[in-house]
């Protein structure tokens, strides 16, 4: 396997793992933070909610893009014959 394609696959696996952890644990983390903050912290909680949602919704697509990039890199690598 091409060195760059292997790096893409490793990063994709890491992002998939982080995405799964983010989907499971970030809502609980947000709920814990919201429980410990006072009523005046709503603006900060709204910003935190947006950031956590962006993180949760972007890790899997970026990982999938890296897997696709690895496939393309491997397909265009001319050093090996099938």
PDB file of N, CA and C in Angstrom:
ATOM      1  N   UNK A   1       0.844  -1.171   0.000  1.00  0.00           N
ATOM      2  CA  UNK A   1       0.000   0.000   0.000  1.00  0.00           C
ATOM      3  C   UNK A   1       0.897   1.244   0.000  1.00  0.00           C
ATOM      4  N   UNK A   2       0.452   2.236  -0.703  1.00  0.00           N
ATOM      5  CA  UNK A   2       1.166   3.499  -0.786  1.00  0.00           C
ATOM      6  C   UNK A   2       1.267   4.130   0.608  1.00  0.00           C
ATOM      7  N   UNK A   3       2.380   4.791   0.862  1.00  0.00           N
ATOM      8  CA  UNK A   3       2.627   5.390   2.171  1.00  0.00           C
ATOM      9  C   UNK A   3       1.583   6.468   2.503  1.00  0.00           C
ATOM     10  N   UNK A   4       1.260   7.309   1.540  1.00  0.00           N
ATOM     11  CA  UNK A   4       0.272   8.365   1.756  1.00  0.00           C
ATOM     12  C   UNK A   4      -1.125   7.783   1.942  1.00  0.00           C
ATOM     13  N   UNK A   5      -1.456   6.761   1.171  1.00  0.00           N
ATOM     14  CA  UNK A   5      -2.761   6.111   1.313  1.00  0.00           C
ATOM     15  C   UNK A   5      -2.879   5.465   2.693  1.00  0.00           C
ATOM     16  N   UNK A   6      -1.802   4.882   3.165  1.00  0.00           N
ATOM     17  CA  UNK A   6      -1.826   4.264   4.498  1.00  0.00           C
ATOM     18  C   UNK A   6      -2.055   5.324   5.572  1.00  0.00           C
ATOM     19  N   UNK A   7      -1.423   6.485   5.437  1.00  0.00           N
ATOM     20  CA  UNK A   7      -1.638   7.568   6.393  1.00  0.00           C
ATOM     21  C   UNK A   7      -3.094   8.021   6.377  1.00  0.00           C
ATOM     22  N   UNK A   8      -3.675   8.107   5.181  1.00  0.00           N
ATOM     23  CA  UNK A   8      -5.083   8.503   5.073  1.00  0.00           C
ATOM     24  C   UNK A   8      -5.991   7.498   5.768  1.00  0.00           C
ATOM     25  N   UNK A   9      -5.710   6.222   5.604  1.00  0.00           N
ATOM     26  CA  UNK A   9      -6.532   5.193   6.233  1.00  0.00           C
ATOM     27  C   UNK A   9      -6.384   5.235   7.756  1.00  0.00           C
ATOM     28  N   UNK A  10      -5.180   5.457   8.241  1.00  0.00           N
ATOM     29  CA  UNK A  10      -4.965   5.539   9.687  1.00  0.00           C
ATOM     30  C   UNK A  10      -5.705   6.744  10.265  1.00  0.00           C
ATOM     31  N   UNK A  11      -5.597   7.891   9.606  1.00  0.00           N
ATOM     32  CA  UNK A  11      -6.308   9.077  10.070  1.00  0.00           C
ATOM     33  C   UNK A  11      -7.815   8.864  10.006  1.00  0.00           C
ATOM     34  N   UNK A  12      -8.285   8.206   8.961  1.00  0.00           N
ATOM     35  CA  UNK A  12      -9.724   7.941   8.840  1.00  0.00           C
ATOM     36  C   UNK A  12     -10.199   7.051   9.983  1.00  0.00           C
ATOM     37  N   UNK A  13      -9.427   6.032  10.308  1.00  0.00           N
ATOM     38  CA  UNK A  13      -9.800   5.169  11.428  1.00  0.00           C
ATOM     39  C   UNK A  13      -9.849   5.938  12.736  1.00  0.00           C
ATOM     40  N   UNK A  14      -8.884   6.815  12.931  1.00  0.00           N
ATOM     41  CA  UNK A  14      -8.888   7.647  14.136  1.00  0.00           C
ATOM     42  C   UNK A  14     -10.087   8.574  14.197  1.00  0.00           C
ATOM     43  N   UNK A  15     -10.429   9.164  13.057  1.00  0.00           N
ATOM     44  CA  UNK A  15     -11.600  10.049  13.024  1.00  0.00           C
ATOM     45  C   UNK A  15     -12.894   9.281  13.237  1.00  0.00           C
ATOM     46  N   UNK A  16     -12.978   8.062  12.699  1.00  0.00           N
ATOM     47  CA  UNK A  16     -14.171   7.249  12.942  1.00  0.00           C
ATOM     48  C   UNK A  16     -14.298   6.915  14.427  1.00  0.00           C
ATOM     49  N   UNK A  17     -13.192   6.585  15.048  1.00  0.00           N
ATOM     50  CA  UNK A  17     -13.205   6.275  16.475  1.00  0.00           C
ATOM     51  C   UNK A  17     -13.589   7.510  17.294  1.00  0.00           C
ATOM     52  N   UNK A  18     -12.983   8.646  16.986  1.00  0.00           N
ATOM     53  CA  UNK A  18     -13.334   9.878  17.682  1.00  0.00           C
ATOM     54  C   UNK A  18     -14.781  10.275  17.436  1.00  0.00           C
ATOM     55  N   UNK A  19     -15.268  10.039  16.224  1.00  0.00           N
ATOM     56  CA  UNK A  19     -16.668  10.342  15.919  1.00  0.00           C
ATOM     57  C   UNK A  19     -17.619   9.490  16.730  1.00  0.00           C
ATOM     58  N   UNK A  20     -17.298   8.213  16.876  1.00  0.00           N
ATOM     59  CA  UNK A  20     -18.146   7.338  17.686  1.00  0.00           C
ATOM     60  C   UNK A  20     -18.126   7.770  19.151  1.00  0.00           C
ATOM     61  N   UNK A  21     -16.958   8.107  19.653  1.00  0.00           N
ATOM     62  CA  UNK A  21     -16.865   8.581  21.034  1.00  0.00           C
ATOM     63  C   UNK A  21     -17.623   9.898  21.199  1.00  0.00           C
ATOM     64  N   UNK A  22     -17.509  10.779  20.215  1.00  0.00           N
ATOM     65  CA  UNK A  22     -18.198  12.064  20.287  1.00  0.00           C
ATOM     66  C   UNK A  22     -19.710  11.891  20.270  1.00  0.00           C
ATOM     67  N   UNK A  23     -20.207  10.973  19.473  1.00  0.00           N
ATOM     68  CA  UNK A  23     -21.652  10.756  19.417  1.00  0.00           C
ATOM     69  C   UNK A  23     -22.166  10.222  20.748  1.00  0.00           C
ATOM     70  N   UNK A  24     -21.385   9.391  21.402  1.00  0.00           N
ATOM     71  CA  UNK A  24     -21.827   8.787  22.658  1.00  0.00           C
ATOM     72  C   UNK A  24     -21.636   9.736  23.845  1.00  0.00           C
ATOM     73  N   UNK A  25     -20.491  10.385  23.948  1.00  0.00           N
ATOM     74  CA  UNK A  25     -20.147  11.103  25.177  1.00  0.00           C
ATOM     75  C   UNK A  25     -20.410  12.601  25.154  1.00  0.00           C
ATOM     76  N   UNK A  26     -20.405  13.262  24.018  1.00  0.00           N
ATOM     77  CA  UNK A  26     -20.573  14.716  24.014  1.00  0.00           C
ATOM     78  C   UNK A  26     -21.942  15.176  24.502  1.00  0.00           C
ATOM     79  N   UNK A  27     -23.044  14.489  24.193  1.00  0.00           N
ATOM     80  CA  UNK A  27     -24.313  14.930  24.788  1.00  0.00           C
ATOM     81  C   UNK A  27     -24.316  14.842  26.315  1.00  0.00           C
ATOM     82  N   UNK A  28     -23.708  13.803  26.851  1.00  0.00           N
ATOM     83  CA  UNK A  28     -23.625  13.683  28.308  1.00  0.00           C
ATOM     84  C   UNK A  28     -22.741  14.781  28.893  1.00  0.00           C
ATOM     85  N   UNK A  29     -21.646  15.100  28.214  1.00  0.00           N
ATOM     86  CA  UNK A  29     -20.772  16.167  28.664  1.00  0.00           C
ATOM     87  C   UNK A  29     -21.507  17.499  28.655  1.00  0.00           C
ATOM     88  N   UNK A  30     -22.264  17.755  27.596  1.00  0.00           N
ATOM     89  CA  UNK A  30     -23.033  19.004  27.518  1.00  0.00           C
ATOM     90  C   UNK A  30     -24.069  19.071  28.636  1.00  0.00           C
ATOM     91  N   UNK A  31     -24.752  17.959  28.895  1.00  0.00           N
ATOM     92  CA  UNK A  31     -25.757  17.942  29.957  1.00  0.00           C
ATOM     93  C   UNK A  31     -25.115  18.195  31.316  1.00  0.00           C
ATOM     94  N   UNK A  32     -23.948  17.627  31.556  1.00  0.00           N
ATOM     95  CA  UNK A  32     -23.262  17.848  32.827  1.00  0.00           C
ATOM     96  C   UNK A  32     -22.840  19.305  32.978  1.00  0.00           C
ATOM     97  N   UNK A  33     -22.341  19.889  31.913  1.00  0.00           N
ATOM     98  CA  UNK A  33     -21.941  21.298  31.965  1.00  0.00           C
ATOM     99  C   UNK A  33     -23.160  22.180  32.172  1.00  0.00           C
ATOM    100  N   UNK A  34     -24.258  21.869  31.491  1.00  0.00           N
ATOM    101  CA  UNK A  34     -25.475  22.664  31.627  1.00  0.00           C
ATOM    102  C   UNK A  34     -26.049  22.555  33.038  1.00  0.00           C
ATOM    103  N   UNK A  35     -25.943  21.386  33.662  1.00  0.00           N
ATOM    104  CA  UNK A  35     -26.445  21.217  35.025  1.00  0.00           C
ATOM    105  C   UNK A  35     -25.646  22.026  36.033  1.00  0.00           C
ATOM    106  N   UNK A  36     -24.351  22.157  35.819  1.00  0.00           N
ATOM    107  CA  UNK A  36     -23.495  22.858  36.771  1.00  0.00           C
ATOM    108  C   UNK A  36     -23.428  24.363  36.528  1.00  0.00           C
ATOM    109  N   UNK A  37     -23.905  24.819  35.396  1.00  0.00           N
ATOM    110  CA  UNK A  37     -23.848  26.252  35.128  1.00  0.00           C
ATOM    111  C   UNK A  37     -25.160  26.902  35.572  1.00  0.00           C
ATOM    112  N   UNK A  38     -25.079  28.172  35.788  1.00  0.00           N
ATOM    113  CA  UNK A  38     -26.244  28.916  36.251  1.00  0.00           C
ATOM    114  C   UNK A  38     -27.113  29.381  35.092  1.00  0.00           C
ATOM    115  N   UNK A  39     -28.188  30.067  35.416  1.00  0.00           N
ATOM    116  CA  UNK A  39     -29.106  30.530  34.367  1.00  0.00           C
ATOM    117  C   UNK A  39     -28.516  31.640  33.498  1.00  0.00           C
ATOM    118  N   UNK A  40     -27.472  32.290  33.948  1.00  0.00           N
ATOM    119  CA  UNK A  40     -26.866  33.359  33.149  1.00  0.00           C
ATOM    120  C   UNK A  40     -25.891  32.826  32.109  1.00  0.00           C
ATOM    121  N   UNK A  41     -25.670  31.527  32.083  1.00  0.00           N
ATOM    122  CA  UNK A  41     -24.694  30.941  31.165  1.00  0.00           C
ATOM    123  C   UNK A  41     -25.332  30.433  29.876  1.00  0.00           C
ATOM    124  N   UNK A  42     -26.567  30.820  29.605  1.00  0.00           N
ATOM    125  CA  UNK A  42     -27.266  30.274  28.443  1.00  0.00           C
ATOM    126  C   UNK A  42     -26.598  30.646  27.118  1.00  0.00           C
ATOM    127  N   UNK A  43     -26.079  31.853  27.014  1.00  0.00           N
ATOM    128  CA  UNK A  43     -25.416  32.256  25.767  1.00  0.00           C
ATOM    129  C   UNK A  43     -24.176  31.403  25.517  1.00  0.00           C
ATOM    130  N   UNK A  44     -23.394  31.172  26.552  1.00  0.00           N
ATOM    131  CA  UNK A  44     -22.219  30.316  26.409  1.00  0.00           C
ATOM    132  C   UNK A  44     -22.588  28.880  26.103  1.00  0.00           C
ATOM    133  N   UNK A  45     -23.680  28.400  26.694  1.00  0.00           N
ATOM    134  CA  UNK A  45     -24.131  27.036  26.417  1.00  0.00           C
ATOM    135  C   UNK A  45     -24.617  26.888  24.984  1.00  0.00           C
ATOM    136  N   UNK A  46     -25.227  27.944  24.446  1.00  0.00           N
ATOM    137  CA  UNK A  46     -25.660  27.897  23.042  1.00  0.00           C
ATOM    138  C   UNK A  46     -24.457  27.780  22.109  1.00  0.00           C
ATOM    139  N   UNK A  47     -23.418  28.541  22.388  1.00  0.00           N
ATOM    140  CA  UNK A  47     -22.198  28.476  21.575  1.00  0.00           C
ATOM    141  C   UNK A  47     -21.556  27.096  21.713  1.00  0.00           C
ATOM    142  N   UNK A  48     -21.503  26.579  22.936  1.00  0.00           N
ATOM    143  CA  UNK A  48     -20.935  25.249  23.170  1.00  0.00           C
ATOM    144  C   UNK A  48     -21.739  24.175  22.444  1.00  0.00           C
ATOM    145  N   UNK A  49     -23.058  24.315  22.453  1.00  0.00           N
ATOM    146  CA  UNK A  49     -23.904  23.344  21.758  1.00  0.00           C
ATOM    147  C   UNK A  49     -23.629  23.354  20.258  1.00  0.00           C
ATOM    148  N   UNK A  50     -23.477  24.518  19.679  1.00  0.00           N
ATOM    149  CA  UNK A  50     -23.172  24.617  18.244  1.00  0.00           C
ATOM    150  C   UNK A  50     -21.820  23.982  17.939  1.00  0.00           C
ATOM    151  N   UNK A  51     -20.828  24.270  18.762  1.00  0.00           N
ATOM    152  CA  UNK A  51     -19.493  23.698  18.536  1.00  0.00           C
ATOM    153  C   UNK A  51     -19.500  22.178  18.667  1.00  0.00           C
ATOM    154  N   UNK A  52     -20.168  21.655  19.681  1.00  0.00           N
ATOM    155  CA  UNK A  52     -20.219  20.206  19.859  1.00  0.00           C
ATOM    156  C   UNK A  52     -20.990  19.529  18.730  1.00  0.00           C
ATOM    157  N   UNK A  53     -22.033  20.185  18.240  1.00  0.00           N
ATOM    158  CA  UNK A  53     -22.783  19.640  17.111  1.00  0.00           C
ATOM    159  C   UNK A  53     -21.925  19.617  15.848  1.00  0.00           C
ATOM    160  N   UNK A  54     -21.154  20.667  15.618  1.00  0.00           N
ATOM    161  CA  UNK A  54     -20.252  20.688  14.462  1.00  0.00           C
ATOM    162  C   UNK A  54     -19.203  19.589  14.556  1.00  0.00           C
ATOM    163  N   UNK A  55     -18.672  19.377  15.743  1.00  0.00           N
ATOM    164  CA  UNK A  55     -17.680  18.315  15.922  1.00  0.00           C
ATOM    165  C   UNK A  55     -18.306  16.957  15.648  1.00  0.00           C
ATOM    166  N   UNK A  56     -19.479  16.713  16.244  1.00  0.00           N
ATOM    167  CA  UNK A  56     -20.135  15.415  16.062  1.00  0.00           C
ATOM    168  C   UNK A  56     -20.495  15.151  14.612  1.00  0.00           C
ATOM    169  N   UNK A  57     -20.917  16.190  13.900  1.00  0.00           N
ATOM    170  CA  UNK A  57     -21.388  15.971  12.537  1.00  0.00           C
ATOM    171  C   UNK A  57     -20.285  16.032  11.484  1.00  0.00           C
ATOM    172  N   UNK A  58     -19.072  16.364  11.865  1.00  0.00           N
ATOM    173  CA  UNK A  58     -18.020  16.476  10.851  1.00  0.00           C
ATOM    174  C   UNK A  58     -16.993  15.349  10.895  1.00  0.00           C
ATOM    175  N   UNK A  59     -16.887  14.625  11.979  1.00  0.00           N
ATOM    176  CA  UNK A  59     -15.821  13.622  12.076  1.00  0.00           C
ATOM    177  C   UNK A  59     -16.026  12.454  11.117  1.00  0.00           C
ATOM    178  N   UNK A  60     -17.241  11.919  11.025  1.00  0.00           N
ATOM    179  CA  UNK A  60     -17.484  10.796  10.120  1.00  0.00           C
ATOM    180  C   UNK A  60     -17.321  11.181   8.646  1.00  0.00           C
ATOM    181  N   UNK A  61     -17.874  12.318   8.181  1.00  0.00           N
ATOM    182  CA  UNK A  61     -17.659  12.676   6.773  1.00  0.00           C
ATOM    183  C   UNK A  61     -16.192  12.928   6.412  1.00  0.00           C
ATOM    184  N   UNK A  62     -15.437  13.519   7.308  1.00  0.00           N
ATOM    185  CA  UNK A  62     -14.022  13.731   7.024  1.00  0.00           C
ATOM    186  C   UNK A  62     -13.292  12.398   6.945  1.00  0.00           C
ATOM    187  N   UNK A  63     -13.625  11.474   7.851  1.00  0.00           N
ATOM    188  CA  UNK A  63     -13.036  10.132   7.797  1.00  0.00           C
ATOM    189  C   UNK A  63     -13.383   9.416   6.501  1.00  0.00           C
ATOM    190  N   UNK A  64     -14.631   9.550   6.066  1.00  0.00           N
ATOM    191  CA  UNK A  64     -15.037   8.916   4.809  1.00  0.00           C
ATOM    192  C   UNK A  64     -14.310   9.538   3.618  1.00  0.00           C
ATOM    193  N   UNK A  65     -14.104  10.843   3.657  1.00  0.00           N
ATOM    194  CA  UNK A  65     -13.354  11.498   2.585  1.00  0.00           C
ATOM    195  C   UNK A  65     -11.911  11.012   2.549  1.00  0.00           C
ATOM    196  N   UNK A  66     -11.332  10.781   3.712  1.00  0.00           N
ATOM    197  CA  UNK A  66      -9.960  10.267   3.749  1.00  0.00           C
ATOM    198  C   UNK A  66      -9.879   8.839   3.220  1.00  0.00           C
ATOM    199  N   UNK A  67     -10.883   8.025   3.489  1.00  0.00           N
ATOM    200  CA  UNK A  67     -10.898   6.676   2.921  1.00  0.00           C
ATOM    201  C   UNK A  67     -10.992   6.768   1.401  1.00  0.00           C
ATOM    202  N   UNK A  68     -11.844   7.644   0.903  1.00  0.00           N
ATOM    203  CA  UNK A  68     -11.938   7.837  -0.546  1.00  0.00           C
ATOM    204  C   UNK A  68     -10.641   8.339  -1.145  1.00  0.00           C
ATOM    205  N   UNK A  69      -9.983   9.252  -0.445  1.00  0.00           N
ATOM    206  CA  UNK A  69      -8.696   9.751  -0.928  1.00  0.00           C
ATOM    207  C   UNK A  69      -7.665   8.636  -0.968  1.00  0.00           C
ATOM    208  N   UNK A  70      -7.700   7.751   0.026  1.00  0.00           N
ATOM    209  CA  UNK A  70      -6.758   6.628   0.037  1.00  0.00           C
ATOM    210  C   UNK A  70      -7.005   5.701  -1.144  1.00  0.00           C
ATOM    211  N   UNK A  71      -8.256   5.471  -1.476  1.00  0.00           N
ATOM    212  CA  UNK A  71      -8.573   4.620  -2.624  1.00  0.00           C
ATOM    213  C   UNK A  71      -8.069   5.251  -3.912  1.00  0.00           C
ATOM    214  N   UNK A  72      -8.295   6.544  -4.069  1.00  0.00           N
ATOM    215  CA  UNK A  72      -7.846   7.238  -5.282  1.00  0.00           C
ATOM    216  C   UNK A  72      -6.328   7.258  -5.361  1.00  0.00           C
ATOM    217  N   UNK A  73      -5.665   7.540  -4.257  1.00  0.00           N
ATOM    218  CA  UNK A  73      -4.196   7.554  -4.247  1.00  0.00           C
ATOM    219  C   UNK A  73      -3.651   6.185  -4.620  1.00  0.00           C
ATOM    220  N   UNK A  74      -4.258   5.153  -4.048  1.00  0.00           N
ATOM    221  CA  UNK A  74      -3.790   3.797  -4.347  1.00  0.00           C
ATOM    222  C   UNK A  74      -4.055   3.440  -5.813  1.00  0.00           C
ATOM    223  N   UNK A  75      -5.195   3.879  -6.346  1.00  0.00           N
ATOM    224  CA  UNK A  75      -5.519   3.573  -7.740  1.00  0.00           C
ATOM    225  C   UNK A  75      -4.593   4.313  -8.706  1.00  0.00           C
ATOM    226  N   UNK A  76      -4.201   5.522  -8.350  1.00  0.00           N
ATOM    227  CA  UNK A  76      -3.351   6.307  -9.240  1.00  0.00           C
ATOM    228  C   UNK A  76      -1.866   6.034  -9.059  1.00  0.00           C
ATOM    229  N   UNK A  77      -1.531   5.262  -8.055  1.00  0.00           N
ATOM    230  CA  UNK A  77      -0.131   4.912  -7.823  1.00  0.00           C
ATOM    231  C   UNK A  77       0.315   3.961  -8.928  1.00  0.00           C
ATOM    232  N   UNK A  78       1.247   4.405  -9.728  1.00  0.00           N
ATOM    233  CA  UNK A  78       1.685   3.604 -10.863  1.00  0.00           C
ATOM    234  C   UNK A  78       2.844   2.682 -10.572  1.00  0.00           C
ATOM    235  N   UNK A  79       3.266   2.581  -9.341  1.00  0.00           N
ATOM    236  CA  UNK A  79       4.452   1.785  -9.045  1.00  0.00           C
ATOM    237  C   UNK A  79       4.152   0.284  -8.992  1.00  0.00           C
ATOM    238  N   UNK A  80       2.901  -0.085  -8.859  1.00  0.00           N
ATOM    239  CA  UNK A  80       2.554  -1.512  -8.774  1.00  0.00           C
ATOM    240  C   UNK A  80       1.596  -1.898  -9.898  1.00  0.00           C
ATOM    241  N   UNK A  81       1.815  -3.059 -10.408  1.00  0.00           N
ATOM    242  CA  UNK A  81       0.918  -3.621 -11.403  1.00  0.00           C
ATOM    243  C   UNK A  81      -0.045  -4.586 -10.720  1.00  0.00           C
ATOM    244  N   UNK A  82      -1.297  -4.657 -11.162  1.00  0.00           N
ATOM    245  CA  UNK A  82      -2.249  -5.583 -10.533  1.00  0.00           C
ATOM    246  C   UNK A  82      -1.901  -7.035 -10.791  1.00  0.00           C
TER     247      UNK A  82
END
